[in-house]
Amino acid sequence: MLRTVLLLALAHTASPSPASVAIRRAEALKKLLEVFGMEDPPAPPTHFKQPPQYMVDLFNTVANADGVTKNPDILEGNTVRSFLEKTHSEEMRFLFVLSSVAKNEKILTAELHLFRLWPRVTEGPKRHHFCQVNVYQVLEKDKPDTPGGKKLLAARLVSLQTSGWEVFAITPAVRDWTEDESSNQGLLVTVQTLGGSPLDPPPLQFASGRGHHESKKPMLVLFTDDGRRGASLPTAGFPDLTPQAPDLPAKMPVPQLGRSRSTRSLGRLQPCQRHPLSVDFEEIGWSGWIISPRGYNAFHCKGSCPFPLGENMRPTNHATVQSIINALKLSEGVSSPCCVPDKLFSINLLYFDDDENVVLKQYDDMVAGSCGCH
């Protein structure tokens, strides 16, 4: 009887309390946020918001449905930020708030995306088929038309026969704005004839922040790099995500507070191989701000590296030597090689930041592509 009571008491002592489980969970989620380069999760949008189609298409171009990078060379840098125009002006003056750009982010390319509306019907003999569109960085907010009040960033001939998106490179202006916030006086767009004469009213108009559907609003797109890079393990293009061996998928994010001895023994007996590891953003509580993917398969490596190591174990030369030393007991304290990832892939997240801007970010070393004995 006493033995039974003692065993029950020990079992009760070993069981983690709800408070300790909550603390461990909070610590785990905080650590996961650090992996994603954040201190706190962004607040979900206050109402349903459709992400810009450009950002959705870009995500589908660089990643598969699980967010795994198709080709690491497609994306310039590791971050793409989109900003919708905030002033809702009817004039062709545009202002974008860039406060969410981190100080350590290097601006690689900045683009102004404007949706070209169907042109107004022009009556009379003088009908223009093309006009010139100029994009200026405003230097003097109240006097943009004075000498020195603006700086030309881009100029292009645009057809008056169609509608659709026009993209203008404005990288120098954005670099100025991120170095000195007070210099951000916005952009000015003008339309003129091929000979340089102003057109009033202009036959060409772009959708503004007011009176047009959100999908056509002016947008600033930044391609940046925050300098975060992963380990120097080999990477590849589109990975084969078929598990190396069938196994029940492990689940994230609730941290396991212990493993049974039988599970550990089983792990040692099985040869080194890759197994599924499902990361579900809805389970974590992040589905409100992450647009895509809803989760991904990180995979994990598990199993033994027994002597002698075969080629199927993908051993390094060092691991082979270590395995021999361990097997022959030639030196004390030398363990057998470990089953670890030897190829890693990046994933991409499409999400809303705290300002409800849509961001596409690539994170290195997030998926175990294959496992080996090292």
Foldseek 3Di string as FASTA:
>chain_A
DVVVVVVVVVVVVPDDDPVVLVVVLVVLVCVVVVLVVDRDFADFDPDDDDAAPVVVVVQVVQAPQQQFGQAPPPADAFKKWKFFFDPQDPAQWTATDDVPDDLLKDFDWKKKKWKKDQFDDDDDDDDDQKKKKWKWQAQALVCCPDVVRIHTQDMDIDGNHDIGMDMGTRRVNVVVCSVPVVRRSTMHMAIGHPVRHGDVVDRIDTDDSPPDDPNRTIMMMTRIHNPDDDDPFDEGGHFDPDFPDEDDEAEDDSDDPDDDPVVLVVQAAFAKTKYWYKYACVVSVNPSWWDDDRTHTQIWITYHQAPPHDVVQVDDPVLNVLNVCVVVVVDPPRDHFDKGARYFTKGWIWTQHNVRITMIGIRTRRHRRIIHTD
